[in-house]
Amino acid sequence: MYSSQAARVGEAMQVDRLSQALHLENFNVLGTENEWLFLNVHPAALTEPYHMAALLANLKRLQIEPRRVGGAGATR
């Protein structure tokens, strides 16, 4: 049972990372300088170092400052 649950979480993380990349790319294409992107992510994207590093790498690659990305409860 554990391996099937771990596989589902792994699949969810893959979908989450693809979704992140798509939305970050689309946000970057807009060329905005002051707006925020509100991004819902899997909790592991913010708590597991590997997934957090991937999110930060995408932000760096696209030159989007992390302070411009918010989620539920974010305030300006």
C-alpha atoms as a PDB file:
ATOM      1  CA  MET A   1       0.000   0.000   0.000  1.00  0.00           C
ATOM      2  CA  TYR A   2       2.790   2.434   0.860  1.00  0.00           C
ATOM      3  CA  SER A   3       4.394   2.138  -2.565  1.00  0.00           C
ATOM      4  CA  SER A   4       1.124   2.905  -4.354  1.00  0.00           C
ATOM      5  CA  GLN A   5       0.558   5.942  -2.120  1.00  0.00           C
ATOM      6  CA  ALA A   6       4.128   7.118  -2.726  1.00  0.00           C
ATOM      7  CA  ALA A   7       3.614   6.667  -6.470  1.00  0.00           C
ATOM      8  CA  ARG A   8       0.454   8.810  -6.351  1.00  0.00           C
ATOM      9  CA  VAL A   9       2.295  11.554  -4.468  1.00  0.00           C
ATOM     10  CA  GLY A  10       5.138  11.347  -6.987  1.00  0.00           C
ATOM     11  CA  GLU A  11       2.698  11.654  -9.866  1.00  0.00           C
ATOM     12  CA  ALA A  12       0.967  14.590  -8.159  1.00  0.00           C
ATOM     13  CA  MET A  13       4.325  16.319  -7.764  1.00  0.00           C
ATOM     14  CA  GLN A  14       5.130  15.806 -11.453  1.00  0.00           C
ATOM     15  CA  VAL A  15       1.808  17.357 -12.464  1.00  0.00           C
ATOM     16  CA  ASP A  16       2.354  20.163  -9.949  1.00  0.00           C
ATOM     17  CA  ARG A  17       5.803  20.983 -11.325  1.00  0.00           C
ATOM     18  CA  LEU A  18       4.509  20.976 -14.910  1.00  0.00           C
ATOM     19  CA  SER A  19       1.683  23.291 -13.866  1.00  0.00           C
ATOM     20  CA  GLN A  20       4.137  25.588 -12.075  1.00  0.00           C
ATOM     21  CA  ALA A  21       6.381  25.750 -15.134  1.00  0.00           C
ATOM     22  CA  LEU A  22       3.452  26.495 -17.458  1.00  0.00           C
ATOM     23  CA  HIS A  23       2.057  29.281 -15.287  1.00  0.00           C
ATOM     24  CA  LEU A  24       5.476  30.810 -14.630  1.00  0.00           C
ATOM     25  CA  GLU A  25       6.215  30.811 -18.376  1.00  0.00           C
ATOM     26  CA  ASN A  26       2.851  32.439 -19.135  1.00  0.00           C
ATOM     27  CA  PHE A  27       3.382  35.032 -16.399  1.00  0.00           C
ATOM     28  CA  ASN A  28       6.831  35.796 -17.768  1.00  0.00           C
ATOM     29  CA  VAL A  29       5.466  36.304 -21.301  1.00  0.00           C
ATOM     30  CA  LEU A  30       3.158  39.039 -19.978  1.00  0.00           C
ATOM     31  CA  GLY A  31       6.237  41.160 -19.324  1.00  0.00           C
ATOM     32  CA  THR A  32       4.790  42.767 -16.226  1.00  0.00           C
ATOM     33  CA  GLU A  33       7.033  44.361 -13.631  1.00  0.00           C
ATOM     34  CA  ASN A  34       4.836  44.995 -10.582  1.00  0.00           C
ATOM     35  CA  GLU A  35       2.055  42.405 -10.675  1.00  0.00           C
ATOM     36  CA  TRP A  36       1.936  39.263  -8.581  1.00  0.00           C
ATOM     37  CA  LEU A  37       1.343  35.706  -9.685  1.00  0.00           C
ATOM     38  CA  PHE A  38      -0.852  33.742  -7.298  1.00  0.00           C
ATOM     39  CA  LEU A  39       0.242  30.140  -7.632  1.00  0.00           C
ATOM     40  CA  ASN A  40      -1.352  27.162  -5.887  1.00  0.00           C
ATOM     41  CA  VAL A  41       1.229  24.451  -5.323  1.00  0.00           C
ATOM     42  CA  HIS A  42       1.393  21.030  -3.705  1.00  0.00           C
ATOM     43  CA  PRO A  43       2.557  21.471  -0.077  1.00  0.00           C
ATOM     44  CA  ALA A  44       5.683  19.420  -0.822  1.00  0.00           C
ATOM     45  CA  ALA A  45       6.767  22.095  -3.303  1.00  0.00           C
ATOM     46  CA  LEU A  46       7.415  24.349  -0.315  1.00  0.00           C
ATOM     47  CA  THR A  47       8.506  21.820   2.302  1.00  0.00           C
ATOM     48  CA  GLU A  48      10.755  19.357   0.470  1.00  0.00           C
ATOM     49  CA  PRO A  49      14.159  20.780  -0.510  1.00  0.00           C
ATOM     50  CA  TYR A  50      14.285  19.087  -3.936  1.00  0.00           C
ATOM     51  CA  HIS A  51      10.914  20.459  -5.024  1.00  0.00           C
ATOM     52  CA  MET A  52      11.539  23.891  -3.515  1.00  0.00           C
ATOM     53  CA  ALA A  53      14.864  24.059  -5.358  1.00  0.00           C
ATOM     54  CA  ALA A  54      13.087  23.257  -8.640  1.00  0.00           C
ATOM     55  CA  LEU A  55      10.568  26.060  -8.080  1.00  0.00           C
ATOM     56  CA  LEU A  56      13.328  28.529  -7.208  1.00  0.00           C
ATOM     57  CA  ALA A  57      15.356  27.412 -10.249  1.00  0.00           C
ATOM     58  CA  ASN A  58      12.381  28.159 -12.526  1.00  0.00           C
ATOM     59  CA  LEU A  59      11.957  31.580 -10.939  1.00  0.00           C
ATOM     60  CA  LYS A  60      15.653  32.318 -11.415  1.00  0.00           C
ATOM     61  CA  ARG A  61      15.661  31.042 -15.009  1.00  0.00           C
ATOM     62  CA  LEU A  62      12.740  33.316 -15.860  1.00  0.00           C
ATOM     63  CA  GLN A  63      14.109  36.206 -13.775  1.00  0.00           C
ATOM     64  CA  ILE A  64      10.954  36.396 -11.649  1.00  0.00           C
ATOM     65  CA  GLU A  65      11.600  37.595  -8.127  1.00  0.00           C
ATOM     66  CA  PRO A  66      10.186  35.143  -5.545  1.00  0.00           C
ATOM     67  CA  ARG A  67       8.505  38.065  -3.738  1.00  0.00           C
ATOM     68  CA  ARG A  68       6.191  38.433  -6.775  1.00  0.00           C
ATOM     69  CA  VAL A  69       4.747  34.937  -6.324  1.00  0.00           C
ATOM     70  CA  GLY A  70       2.059  34.458  -3.720  1.00  0.00           C
ATOM     71  CA  GLY A  71      -0.430  31.874  -2.649  1.00  0.00           C
ATOM     72  CA  ALA A  72      -3.392  31.586  -0.342  1.00  0.00           C
ATOM     73  CA  GLY A  73      -3.154  34.185   2.382  1.00  0.00           C
ATOM     74  CA  ALA A  74      -0.478  36.244   0.643  1.00  0.00           C
ATOM     75  CA  THR A  75      -0.683  40.002   1.093  1.00  0.00           C
ATOM     76  CA  ARG A  76       1.121  42.830  -0.602  1.00  0.00           C
END
